[in-house]
Amino acid sequence: MANTGSGDAGASTTLITIDGVNVATEAVLALSVGGSHTATLGPFTMTGDSDMIEVCADGDDTVPESNEANNCKENRFEYPAPVLTPPGLVALIGLLMVVAVRRVKKGG
């Protein structure tokens, strides 16, 4: 997550849900302008043939933002995973590395 706004962002919480159930939270300290936070959470166990996983930055909506609707990213993960060609594998790894990015503006 990164503060790309023009003011400091207060502390917040990142939430991870799988199939609508909260499975992890991560406290994020206040971020100055240009500051960022990276965390690794998990591992998580698949519960069936597929799971819907959602990661939300500022999951408790404590940071005032110019756009409160862009804090979550949702993806469906299938098991067994399809066989991937090398470009597909690179795209999947890149997708998994994206936890959350948000735009933060003071007074939003």
N, C-alpha and C. Protein backbone atom coordinates (compact mmCIF):
# COMPACT_ATOMS: atom_id res chain seq x y z
N MET A 1 0.86 -1.14 0.00
CA MET A 1 0.00 0.00 0.00
C MET A 1 0.91 1.22 0.00
N ALA A 2 0.47 2.27 -0.65
CA ALA A 2 1.29 3.48 -0.77
C ALA A 2 0.42 4.72 -0.60
N ASN A 3 1.01 5.74 -0.01
CA ASN A 3 0.33 7.02 0.12
C ASN A 3 0.75 7.88 -1.07
N THR A 4 -0.11 7.97 -2.06
CA THR A 4 0.18 8.75 -3.27
C THR A 4 -0.52 10.10 -3.23
N GLY A 5 -1.11 10.45 -2.08
CA GLY A 5 -1.81 11.72 -1.95
C GLY A 5 -0.87 12.86 -1.60
N SER A 6 -1.46 14.00 -1.30
CA SER A 6 -0.67 15.20 -1.01
C SER A 6 -0.56 15.48 0.49
N GLY A 7 -1.11 14.61 1.34
CA GLY A 7 -1.02 14.78 2.79
C GLY A 7 -0.75 13.46 3.47
N ASP A 8 -0.37 13.55 4.74
CA ASP A 8 -0.11 12.34 5.51
C ASP A 8 -1.40 11.53 5.68
N ALA A 9 -1.26 10.22 5.79
CA ALA A 9 -2.40 9.33 6.02
C ALA A 9 -2.28 8.71 7.40
N GLY A 10 -3.38 8.69 8.13
CA GLY A 10 -3.37 8.10 9.46
C GLY A 10 -3.25 6.59 9.42
N ALA A 11 -3.12 6.01 10.60
CA ALA A 11 -3.03 4.55 10.72
C ALA A 11 -4.32 3.91 10.20
N SER A 12 -4.19 2.68 9.71
CA SER A 12 -5.35 1.96 9.17
C SER A 12 -5.16 0.47 9.37
N THR A 13 -6.10 -0.30 8.85
CA THR A 13 -6.03 -1.75 8.94
C THR A 13 -6.30 -2.36 7.58
N THR A 14 -5.47 -3.32 7.19
CA THR A 14 -5.69 -4.09 5.97
C THR A 14 -6.43 -5.37 6.36
N LEU A 15 -7.47 -5.71 5.60
CA LEU A 15 -8.28 -6.89 5.88
C LEU A 15 -8.20 -7.88 4.72
N ILE A 16 -8.16 -9.16 5.04
CA ILE A 16 -8.21 -10.20 4.02
C ILE A 16 -9.40 -11.09 4.34
N THR A 17 -10.27 -11.30 3.36
CA THR A 17 -11.40 -12.21 3.52
C THR A 17 -11.34 -13.29 2.45
N ILE A 18 -11.74 -14.48 2.82
CA ILE A 18 -11.84 -15.60 1.89
C ILE A 18 -13.28 -16.09 1.95
N ASP A 19 -13.93 -16.06 0.81
CA ASP A 19 -15.35 -16.44 0.71
C ASP A 19 -16.19 -15.70 1.74
N GLY A 20 -15.89 -14.41 1.93
CA GLY A 20 -16.67 -13.57 2.82
C GLY A 20 -16.33 -13.67 4.30
N VAL A 21 -15.35 -14.49 4.66
CA VAL A 21 -14.97 -14.67 6.06
C VAL A 21 -13.63 -13.98 6.30
N ASN A 22 -13.57 -13.11 7.31
CA ASN A 22 -12.32 -12.42 7.64
C ASN A 22 -11.31 -13.44 8.15
N VAL A 23 -10.14 -13.53 7.48
CA VAL A 23 -9.12 -14.51 7.87
C VAL A 23 -7.85 -13.86 8.39
N ALA A 24 -7.66 -12.55 8.15
CA ALA A 24 -6.44 -11.89 8.61
C ALA A 24 -6.63 -10.39 8.62
N THR A 25 -5.94 -9.74 9.55
CA THR A 25 -5.87 -8.29 9.60
C THR A 25 -4.42 -7.89 9.81
N GLU A 26 -4.08 -6.72 9.33
CA GLU A 26 -2.72 -6.19 9.47
C GLU A 26 -2.81 -4.72 9.82
N ALA A 27 -2.28 -4.33 10.96
CA ALA A 27 -2.24 -2.92 11.34
C ALA A 27 -1.20 -2.20 10.48
N VAL A 28 -1.58 -1.06 9.95
CA VAL A 28 -0.68 -0.25 9.13
C VAL A 28 -0.50 1.09 9.84
N LEU A 29 0.75 1.42 10.15
CA LEU A 29 1.04 2.68 10.82
C LEU A 29 0.78 3.84 9.87
N ALA A 30 0.71 5.05 10.41
CA ALA A 30 0.51 6.25 9.59
C ALA A 30 1.58 6.31 8.51
N LEU A 31 1.18 6.80 7.33
CA LEU A 31 2.11 6.91 6.19
C LEU A 31 2.27 8.37 5.81
N SER A 32 3.50 8.83 5.74
CA SER A 32 3.75 10.19 5.26
C SER A 32 3.58 10.21 3.75
N VAL A 33 3.55 11.39 3.17
CA VAL A 33 3.42 11.52 1.71
C VAL A 33 4.54 10.72 1.05
N GLY A 34 4.17 9.85 0.11
CA GLY A 34 5.15 9.02 -0.59
C GLY A 34 5.53 7.75 0.17
N GLY A 35 5.05 7.61 1.41
CA GLY A 35 5.38 6.43 2.21
C GLY A 35 4.62 5.20 1.73
N SER A 36 5.13 4.03 2.09
CA SER A 36 4.47 2.80 1.69
C SER A 36 4.61 1.75 2.79
N HIS A 37 3.79 0.72 2.67
CA HIS A 37 3.80 -0.39 3.64
C HIS A 37 3.60 -1.68 2.87
N THR A 38 4.42 -2.68 3.18
CA THR A 38 4.31 -3.99 2.55
C THR A 38 4.27 -5.03 3.65
N ALA A 39 3.41 -6.01 3.51
CA ALA A 39 3.31 -7.10 4.48
C ALA A 39 3.00 -8.39 3.74
N THR A 40 3.40 -9.50 4.33
CA THR A 40 3.06 -10.82 3.82
C THR A 40 2.20 -11.51 4.86
N LEU A 41 1.01 -11.90 4.48
CA LEU A 41 0.09 -12.57 5.38
C LEU A 41 -0.24 -13.94 4.79
N GLY A 42 -0.44 -14.92 5.64
CA GLY A 42 -0.76 -16.25 5.17
C GLY A 42 0.29 -17.21 5.66
N PRO A 43 0.30 -18.43 5.22
CA PRO A 43 -0.49 -19.00 4.13
C PRO A 43 -1.93 -19.26 4.54
N PHE A 44 -2.78 -19.42 3.54
CA PHE A 44 -4.19 -19.72 3.75
C PHE A 44 -4.50 -21.03 3.04
N THR A 45 -5.43 -21.78 3.58
CA THR A 45 -5.81 -23.08 3.03
C THR A 45 -7.05 -22.93 2.16
N MET A 46 -7.00 -23.49 0.96
CA MET A 46 -8.17 -23.52 0.09
C MET A 46 -9.25 -24.36 0.76
N THR A 47 -10.52 -23.94 0.60
CA THR A 47 -11.61 -24.66 1.26
C THR A 47 -12.44 -25.49 0.29
N GLY A 48 -12.13 -25.44 -0.98
CA GLY A 48 -12.91 -26.20 -1.96
C GLY A 48 -12.22 -26.12 -3.30
N ASP A 49 -13.02 -26.20 -4.37
CA ASP A 49 -12.47 -26.11 -5.71
C ASP A 49 -12.09 -24.69 -6.10
N SER A 50 -12.66 -23.69 -5.41
CA SER A 50 -12.29 -22.31 -5.68
C SER A 50 -12.61 -21.46 -4.46
N ASP A 51 -11.88 -20.37 -4.33
CA ASP A 51 -12.10 -19.42 -3.23
C ASP A 51 -12.05 -18.01 -3.79
N MET A 52 -12.92 -17.15 -3.27
CA MET A 52 -12.90 -15.73 -3.60
C MET A 52 -12.11 -15.04 -2.49
N ILE A 53 -11.00 -14.42 -2.87
CA ILE A 53 -10.13 -13.77 -1.90
C ILE A 53 -10.18 -12.27 -2.15
N GLU A 54 -10.42 -11.51 -1.09
CA GLU A 54 -10.49 -10.06 -1.19
C GLU A 54 -9.52 -9.45 -0.19
N VAL A 55 -8.73 -8.48 -0.67
CA VAL A 55 -7.80 -7.73 0.17
C VAL A 55 -8.26 -6.28 0.14
N CYS A 56 -8.44 -5.70 1.34
CA CYS A 56 -8.91 -4.31 1.45
C CYS A 56 -7.93 -3.48 2.27
N ALA A 57 -7.37 -2.46 1.65
CA ALA A 57 -6.59 -1.47 2.38
C ALA A 57 -7.57 -0.56 3.10
N ASP A 58 -7.20 -0.06 4.26
CA ASP A 58 -8.08 0.79 5.07
C ASP A 58 -9.45 0.14 5.19
N GLY A 59 -9.45 -1.13 5.55
CA GLY A 59 -10.67 -1.92 5.61
C GLY A 59 -11.71 -1.40 6.59
N ASP A 60 -11.28 -0.61 7.58
CA ASP A 60 -12.23 -0.06 8.53
C ASP A 60 -12.57 1.40 8.23
N ASP A 61 -12.16 1.89 7.06
CA ASP A 61 -12.48 3.24 6.57
C ASP A 61 -12.14 4.35 7.56
N THR A 62 -10.95 4.28 8.15
CA THR A 62 -10.54 5.31 9.10
C THR A 62 -9.78 6.46 8.46
N VAL A 63 -9.24 6.24 7.26
CA VAL A 63 -8.45 7.28 6.58
C VAL A 63 -9.35 8.02 5.60
N PRO A 64 -9.48 9.35 5.76
CA PRO A 64 -10.28 10.12 4.79
C PRO A 64 -9.59 10.10 3.42
N GLU A 65 -10.34 9.77 2.37
CA GLU A 65 -9.78 9.65 1.03
C GLU A 65 -10.68 10.32 0.00
N SER A 66 -10.08 10.68 -1.12
CA SER A 66 -10.85 11.28 -2.21
C SER A 66 -11.72 10.23 -2.90
N ASN A 67 -11.32 8.95 -2.83
CA ASN A 67 -12.09 7.87 -3.43
C ASN A 67 -12.08 6.68 -2.47
N GLU A 68 -13.14 6.49 -1.74
CA GLU A 68 -13.23 5.38 -0.77
C GLU A 68 -13.57 4.06 -1.44
N ALA A 69 -13.92 4.09 -2.72
CA ALA A 69 -14.39 2.89 -3.41
C ALA A 69 -13.28 2.08 -4.07
N ASN A 70 -12.03 2.49 -3.94
CA ASN A 70 -10.96 1.78 -4.66
C ASN A 70 -9.97 1.09 -3.73
N ASN A 71 -10.40 0.73 -2.54
CA ASN A 71 -9.49 0.15 -1.56
C ASN A 71 -9.42 -1.37 -1.58
N CYS A 72 -10.28 -2.03 -2.33
CA CYS A 72 -10.33 -3.50 -2.30
C CYS A 72 -10.00 -4.10 -3.66
N LYS A 73 -9.38 -5.26 -3.62
CA LYS A 73 -9.08 -6.05 -4.82
C LYS A 73 -9.56 -7.47 -4.54
N GLU A 74 -10.36 -8.01 -5.46
CA GLU A 74 -10.95 -9.33 -5.29
C GLU A 74 -10.54 -10.24 -6.45
N ASN A 75 -10.18 -11.47 -6.13
CA ASN A 75 -9.79 -12.45 -7.15
C ASN A 75 -10.31 -13.82 -6.76
N ARG A 76 -10.71 -14.61 -7.76
CA ARG A 76 -11.11 -16.00 -7.53
C ARG A 76 -9.92 -16.88 -7.86
N PHE A 77 -9.58 -17.77 -6.94
CA PHE A 77 -8.50 -18.72 -7.14
C PHE A 77 -9.11 -20.11 -7.27
N GLU A 78 -8.72 -20.81 -8.33
CA GLU A 78 -9.27 -22.13 -8.64
C GLU A 78 -8.28 -23.23 -8.26
N TYR A 79 -8.82 -24.39 -7.86
CA TYR A 79 -8.00 -25.55 -7.57
C TYR A 79 -8.61 -26.74 -8.30
N PRO A 80 -7.89 -27.54 -9.02
CA PRO A 80 -6.47 -27.33 -9.28
C PRO A 80 -6.27 -26.17 -10.24
N ALA A 81 -5.15 -25.52 -10.08
CA ALA A 81 -4.84 -24.36 -10.91
C ALA A 81 -4.60 -24.82 -12.34
N PRO A 82 -4.98 -24.00 -13.33
CA PRO A 82 -4.72 -24.37 -14.72
C PRO A 82 -3.23 -24.38 -15.00
N VAL A 83 -2.83 -25.19 -15.97
CA VAL A 83 -1.42 -25.21 -16.39
C VAL A 83 -1.13 -23.89 -17.08
N LEU A 84 -0.07 -23.23 -16.65
CA LEU A 84 0.25 -21.90 -17.17
C LEU A 84 1.49 -21.92 -18.04
N THR A 85 1.45 -21.18 -19.12
CA THR A 85 2.65 -20.95 -19.91
C THR A 85 3.52 -19.97 -19.13
N PRO A 86 4.79 -19.85 -19.41
CA PRO A 86 5.64 -18.91 -18.66
C PRO A 86 5.08 -17.48 -18.57
N PRO A 87 4.53 -16.86 -19.65
CA PRO A 87 3.97 -15.51 -19.46
C PRO A 87 2.77 -15.52 -18.51
N GLY A 88 1.94 -16.57 -18.55
CA GLY A 88 0.82 -16.67 -17.63
C GLY A 88 1.27 -16.83 -16.20
N LEU A 89 2.33 -17.59 -15.99
CA LEU A 89 2.88 -17.78 -14.66
C LEU A 89 3.40 -16.47 -14.11
N VAL A 90 4.10 -15.70 -14.92
CA VAL A 90 4.62 -14.40 -14.50
C VAL A 90 3.47 -13.47 -14.13
N ALA A 91 2.38 -13.48 -14.91
CA ALA A 91 1.24 -12.63 -14.62
C ALA A 91 0.59 -13.03 -13.30
N LEU A 92 0.48 -14.35 -13.04
CA LEU A 92 -0.12 -14.81 -11.79
C LEU A 92 0.73 -14.41 -10.60
N ILE A 93 2.04 -14.58 -10.69
CA ILE A 93 2.93 -14.19 -9.60
C ILE A 93 2.82 -12.69 -9.34
N GLY A 94 2.78 -11.89 -10.40
CA GLY A 94 2.61 -10.45 -10.24
C GLY A 94 1.30 -10.11 -9.58
N LEU A 95 0.23 -10.82 -9.93
CA LEU A 95 -1.08 -10.59 -9.34
C LEU A 95 -1.07 -10.92 -7.85
N LEU A 96 -0.44 -12.01 -7.49
CA LEU A 96 -0.39 -12.41 -6.09
C LEU A 96 0.44 -11.46 -5.24
N MET A 97 1.39 -10.77 -5.85
CA MET A 97 2.24 -9.85 -5.11
C MET A 97 1.53 -8.53 -4.82
N VAL A 98 0.49 -8.24 -5.58
CA VAL A 98 -0.25 -7.01 -5.34
C VAL A 98 -1.17 -7.24 -4.16
N VAL A 99 -0.91 -6.59 -3.07
CA VAL A 99 -1.74 -6.75 -1.89
C VAL A 99 -2.79 -5.67 -1.88
N ALA A 100 -2.37 -4.44 -1.91
CA ALA A 100 -3.33 -3.34 -1.93
C ALA A 100 -2.60 -2.05 -2.24
N VAL A 101 -3.21 -1.27 -3.06
CA VAL A 101 -2.69 0.06 -3.35
C VAL A 101 -3.86 1.02 -3.23
N ARG A 102 -3.63 2.11 -2.62
CA ARG A 102 -4.72 3.07 -2.49
C ARG A 102 -4.21 4.48 -2.66
N ARG A 103 -5.08 5.32 -3.11
CA ARG A 103 -4.78 6.74 -3.23
C ARG A 103 -5.35 7.42 -2.00
N VAL A 104 -4.51 8.19 -1.35
CA VAL A 104 -4.93 8.84 -0.11
C VAL A 104 -4.76 10.33 -0.28
N LYS A 105 -5.81 11.08 0.05
CA LYS A 105 -5.75 12.54 0.07
C LYS A 105 -6.22 13.02 1.40
N LYS A 106 -5.48 13.93 1.99
CA LYS A 106 -5.87 14.47 3.28
C LYS A 106 -7.17 15.25 3.14
N GLY A 107 -8.07 15.03 4.09
CA GLY A 107 -9.33 15.77 4.11
C GLY A 107 -10.35 15.28 3.12
N GLY A 108 -10.06 14.15 2.42
CA GLY A 108 -10.81 13.57 1.37
C GLY A 108 -12.23 13.52 1.39
